Amino acid sequence: LARRVYGRMGQPARRLLLSSTFARDAAMRWYNGSSLGWSTKARLAIGLVSRALPV
């Protein structure tokens, strides 16, 4: 996870974590060992893609 967030391609992930309470909550749940459901993963993926696209 750290490589994805802090690596050279991590800008969209950082934007998502800064702007989304949902993403931060999901990250904390995952970090604590909970598995994330498909709907949560899909919502995170959509958020990540939206942060990667130019505005």
C-alpha atoms as a PDB file:
ATOM      1  CA  LEU A   1       0.000   0.000   0.000  1.00  0.00           C
ATOM      2  CA  ALA A   2       2.763   2.450   0.883  1.00  0.00           C
ATOM      3  CA  ARG A   3       4.331   2.071  -2.567  1.00  0.00           C
ATOM      4  CA  ARG A   4       0.980   2.825  -4.193  1.00  0.00           C
ATOM      5  CA  VAL A   5       0.348   5.872  -2.027  1.00  0.00           C
ATOM      6  CA  TYR A   6       3.849   7.313  -1.706  1.00  0.00           C
ATOM      7  CA  GLY A   7       5.475   6.089  -4.929  1.00  0.00           C
ATOM      8  CA  ARG A   8       5.897   8.153  -8.065  1.00  0.00           C
ATOM      9  CA  MET A   9       2.396   7.227  -9.258  1.00  0.00           C
ATOM     10  CA  GLY A  10       0.786   7.867  -5.879  1.00  0.00           C
ATOM     11  CA  GLN A  11      -0.655  11.334  -6.464  1.00  0.00           C
ATOM     12  CA  PRO A  12      -4.192  10.077  -7.239  1.00  0.00           C
ATOM     13  CA  ALA A  13      -4.140   7.855  -4.132  1.00  0.00           C
ATOM     14  CA  ARG A  14      -2.982  10.758  -1.958  1.00  0.00           C
ATOM     15  CA  ARG A  15      -5.710  12.988  -3.386  1.00  0.00           C
ATOM     16  CA  LEU A  16      -8.319  10.319  -2.709  1.00  0.00           C
ATOM     17  CA  LEU A  17      -7.173   9.799   0.886  1.00  0.00           C
ATOM     18  CA  LEU A  18      -7.105  13.552   1.530  1.00  0.00           C
ATOM     19  CA  SER A  19     -10.521  14.253   0.065  1.00  0.00           C
ATOM     20  CA  SER A  20     -12.546  11.159   0.965  1.00  0.00           C
ATOM     21  CA  THR A  21     -13.615  10.142   4.448  1.00  0.00           C
ATOM     22  CA  PHE A  22     -14.883   6.889   2.918  1.00  0.00           C
ATOM     23  CA  ALA A  23     -11.418   6.109   1.504  1.00  0.00           C
ATOM     24  CA  ARG A  24      -9.692   6.886   4.801  1.00  0.00           C
ATOM     25  CA  ASP A  25     -12.161   4.731   6.744  1.00  0.00           C
ATOM     26  CA  ALA A  26     -11.715   1.858   4.271  1.00  0.00           C
ATOM     27  CA  ALA A  27      -7.926   2.178   4.489  1.00  0.00           C
ATOM     28  CA  MET A  28      -8.063   2.031   8.284  1.00  0.00           C
ATOM     29  CA  ARG A  29     -10.336  -1.026   8.202  1.00  0.00           C
ATOM     30  CA  TRP A  30      -8.002  -2.763   5.738  1.00  0.00           C
ATOM     31  CA  TYR A  31      -4.914  -1.807   7.769  1.00  0.00           C
ATOM     32  CA  ASN A  32      -6.531  -3.305  10.885  1.00  0.00           C
ATOM     33  CA  GLY A  33      -6.991  -6.615   9.077  1.00  0.00           C
ATOM     34  CA  SER A  34     -10.586  -6.421   7.868  1.00  0.00           C
ATOM     35  CA  SER A  35     -11.262  -7.565   4.345  1.00  0.00           C
ATOM     36  CA  LEU A  36     -12.977  -5.105   2.044  1.00  0.00           C
ATOM     37  CA  GLY A  37     -16.027  -6.182   0.066  1.00  0.00           C
ATOM     38  CA  TRP A  38     -16.329  -5.886  -3.690  1.00  0.00           C
ATOM     39  CA  SER A  39     -18.602  -2.842  -3.473  1.00  0.00           C
ATOM     40  CA  THR A  40     -16.055  -1.038  -1.292  1.00  0.00           C
ATOM     41  CA  LYS A  41     -13.235  -1.973  -3.662  1.00  0.00           C
ATOM     42  CA  ALA A  42     -15.282  -0.798  -6.645  1.00  0.00           C
ATOM     43  CA  ARG A  43     -16.084   2.513  -4.981  1.00  0.00           C
ATOM     44  CA  LEU A  44     -12.400   3.020  -4.130  1.00  0.00           C
ATOM     45  CA  ALA A  45     -11.369   2.167  -7.705  1.00  0.00           C
ATOM     46  CA  ILE A  46     -13.850   4.657  -9.136  1.00  0.00           C
ATOM     47  CA  GLY A  47     -12.585   7.309  -6.734  1.00  0.00           C
ATOM     48  CA  LEU A  48      -8.986   6.548  -7.640  1.00  0.00           C
ATOM     49  CA  VAL A  49      -9.655   6.746 -11.376  1.00  0.00           C
ATOM     50  CA  SER A  50     -11.534  10.017 -10.947  1.00  0.00           C
ATOM     51  CA  ARG A  51      -8.536  11.491  -9.093  1.00  0.00           C
ATOM     52  CA  ALA A  52      -6.151  10.319 -11.833  1.00  0.00           C
ATOM     53  CA  LEU A  53      -8.015  12.001 -14.688  1.00  0.00           C
ATOM     54  CA  PRO A  54      -7.165  15.603 -15.521  1.00  0.00           C
ATOM     55  CA  VAL A  55      -9.684  18.148 -14.330  1.00  0.00           C
END
